[in-house]
Amino acid sequence: APTLLEKNKNSTSEVYLAVGMKEHPTMIKDAQEMNAVMTNAKNPKAKLDFMEMTNENHASILHQSINDIFKKMYPLKE
């Protein structure tokens, strides 16, 4: 990932990364490490959203994270 990010440091991208805090510790550690790698890449054109979801596990994270990202992409207009 660091090599790829360095090679494309001026590209525009949006990344949403989520992990359930009730997942296996390896999944949590890997997600946190990926967040750190992407944050340290310091690409001014990249947007990163990292969510640590307290009550989610491997079976429930997908549903909640899809809901959250759609709310971010398409905020409710009153």
C-alpha atoms as a PDB file:
ATOM      1  CA  ALA A   1       0.000   0.000   0.000  1.00  0.00           C
ATOM      2  CA  PRO A   2       2.691   2.612   0.781  1.00  0.00           C
ATOM      3  CA  THR A   3       4.348   2.043  -2.617  1.00  0.00           C
ATOM      4  CA  LEU A   4       1.052   2.296  -4.479  1.00  0.00           C
ATOM      5  CA  LEU A   5       0.047   5.426  -2.558  1.00  0.00           C
ATOM      6  CA  GLU A   6       3.417   7.061  -3.228  1.00  0.00           C
ATOM      7  CA  LYS A   7       3.180   6.237  -6.929  1.00  0.00           C
ATOM      8  CA  ASN A   8      -0.296   7.806  -7.099  1.00  0.00           C
ATOM      9  CA  LYS A   9       0.157  10.582  -4.549  1.00  0.00           C
ATOM     10  CA  ASN A  10      -1.478  13.216  -6.726  1.00  0.00           C
ATOM     11  CA  SER A  11      -4.536  11.201  -7.662  1.00  0.00           C
ATOM     12  CA  THR A  12      -7.977  12.073  -6.417  1.00  0.00           C
ATOM     13  CA  SER A  13      -9.623   9.339  -4.381  1.00  0.00           C
ATOM     14  CA  GLU A  14     -12.197   8.751  -1.691  1.00  0.00           C
ATOM     15  CA  VAL A  15     -11.804   5.804   0.656  1.00  0.00           C
ATOM     16  CA  TYR A  16     -14.198   4.662   3.333  1.00  0.00           C
ATOM     17  CA  LEU A  17     -12.694   2.139   5.748  1.00  0.00           C
ATOM     18  CA  ALA A  18     -14.717   0.612   8.575  1.00  0.00           C
ATOM     19  CA  VAL A  19     -14.047  -2.061  11.149  1.00  0.00           C
ATOM     20  CA  GLY A  20     -16.245  -3.537  13.840  1.00  0.00           C
ATOM     21  CA  MET A  21     -14.682  -3.420  17.284  1.00  0.00           C
ATOM     22  CA  LYS A  22     -16.157  -6.848  18.009  1.00  0.00           C
ATOM     23  CA  GLU A  23     -14.256  -8.403  15.107  1.00  0.00           C
ATOM     24  CA  HIS A  24     -11.173 -10.579  15.503  1.00  0.00           C
ATOM     25  CA  PRO A  25      -8.250  -8.544  16.898  1.00  0.00           C
ATOM     26  CA  THR A  26      -6.284  -9.122  13.682  1.00  0.00           C
ATOM     27  CA  MET A  27      -9.024  -7.451  11.614  1.00  0.00           C
ATOM     28  CA  ILE A  28      -9.033  -4.447  13.956  1.00  0.00           C
ATOM     29  CA  LYS A  29      -5.228  -4.159  13.906  1.00  0.00           C
ATOM     30  CA  ASP A  30      -5.086  -4.440  10.107  1.00  0.00           C
ATOM     31  CA  ALA A  31      -7.763  -1.767   9.619  1.00  0.00           C
ATOM     32  CA  GLN A  32      -5.987   0.590  12.036  1.00  0.00           C
ATOM     33  CA  GLU A  33      -2.671  -0.001  10.261  1.00  0.00           C
ATOM     34  CA  MET A  34      -4.241   0.668   6.846  1.00  0.00           C
ATOM     35  CA  ASN A  35      -5.728   3.878   8.218  1.00  0.00           C
ATOM     36  CA  ALA A  36      -2.288   4.944   9.458  1.00  0.00           C
ATOM     37  CA  VAL A  37      -0.645   4.136   6.107  1.00  0.00           C
ATOM     38  CA  MET A  38      -3.259   6.113   4.187  1.00  0.00           C
ATOM     39  CA  THR A  39      -3.188   9.022   6.631  1.00  0.00           C
ATOM     40  CA  ASN A  40       0.615   9.206   6.483  1.00  0.00           C
ATOM     41  CA  ALA A  41       0.545   9.272   2.668  1.00  0.00           C
ATOM     42  CA  LYS A  42      -0.547  12.913   2.958  1.00  0.00           C
ATOM     43  CA  ASN A  43      -2.253  13.123  -0.406  1.00  0.00           C
ATOM     44  CA  PRO A  44      -4.097  16.466  -0.413  1.00  0.00           C
ATOM     45  CA  LYS A  45      -6.474  15.164  -3.109  1.00  0.00           C
ATOM     46  CA  ALA A  46      -7.463  12.037  -1.177  1.00  0.00           C
ATOM     47  CA  LYS A  47     -10.348  11.868   1.256  1.00  0.00           C
ATOM     48  CA  LEU A  48     -10.312   9.156   3.913  1.00  0.00           C
ATOM     49  CA  ASP A  49     -13.129   8.244   6.276  1.00  0.00           C
ATOM     50  CA  PHE A  50     -12.189   5.685   8.927  1.00  0.00           C
ATOM     51  CA  MET A  51     -14.858   4.339  11.237  1.00  0.00           C
ATOM     52  CA  GLU A  52     -14.351   2.080  14.243  1.00  0.00           C
ATOM     53  CA  MET A  53     -17.842   0.789  14.944  1.00  0.00           C
ATOM     54  CA  THR A  54     -18.191  -0.127  18.596  1.00  0.00           C
ATOM     55  CA  ASN A  55     -21.077  -2.587  18.432  1.00  0.00           C
ATOM     56  CA  GLU A  56     -20.379  -4.285  15.094  1.00  0.00           C
ATOM     57  CA  ASN A  57     -18.761  -7.618  14.299  1.00  0.00           C
ATOM     58  CA  HIS A  58     -17.759  -9.395  11.086  1.00  0.00           C
ATOM     59  CA  ALA A  59     -21.371 -10.363  10.345  1.00  0.00           C
ATOM     60  CA  SER A  60     -22.912  -6.938  10.966  1.00  0.00           C
ATOM     61  CA  ILE A  61     -20.264  -4.424   9.845  1.00  0.00           C
ATOM     62  CA  LEU A  62     -21.180  -4.467   6.157  1.00  0.00           C
ATOM     63  CA  HIS A  63     -24.794  -3.449   6.673  1.00  0.00           C
ATOM     64  CA  GLN A  64     -24.038  -0.614   9.076  1.00  0.00           C
ATOM     65  CA  SER A  65     -21.081   0.716   7.092  1.00  0.00           C
ATOM     66  CA  ILE A  66     -23.092   0.819   3.841  1.00  0.00           C
ATOM     67  CA  ASN A  67     -25.792   2.756   5.661  1.00  0.00           C
ATOM     68  CA  ASP A  68     -23.234   5.209   7.069  1.00  0.00           C
ATOM     69  CA  ILE A  69     -21.408   5.832   3.810  1.00  0.00           C
ATOM     70  CA  PHE A  70     -24.636   6.505   1.937  1.00  0.00           C
ATOM     71  CA  LYS A  71     -25.558   9.075   4.585  1.00  0.00           C
ATOM     72  CA  LYS A  72     -22.177  10.755   4.066  1.00  0.00           C
ATOM     73  CA  MET A  73     -22.417  10.659   0.273  1.00  0.00           C
ATOM     74  CA  TYR A  74     -26.052  11.769   0.128  1.00  0.00           C
ATOM     75  CA  PRO A  75     -26.875  13.844   3.225  1.00  0.00           C
ATOM     76  CA  LEU A  76     -30.520  14.384   4.007  1.00  0.00           C
ATOM     77  CA  LYS A  77     -31.736  17.711   2.678  1.00  0.00           C
ATOM     78  CA  GLU A  78     -34.491  19.313   4.676  1.00  0.00           C
END
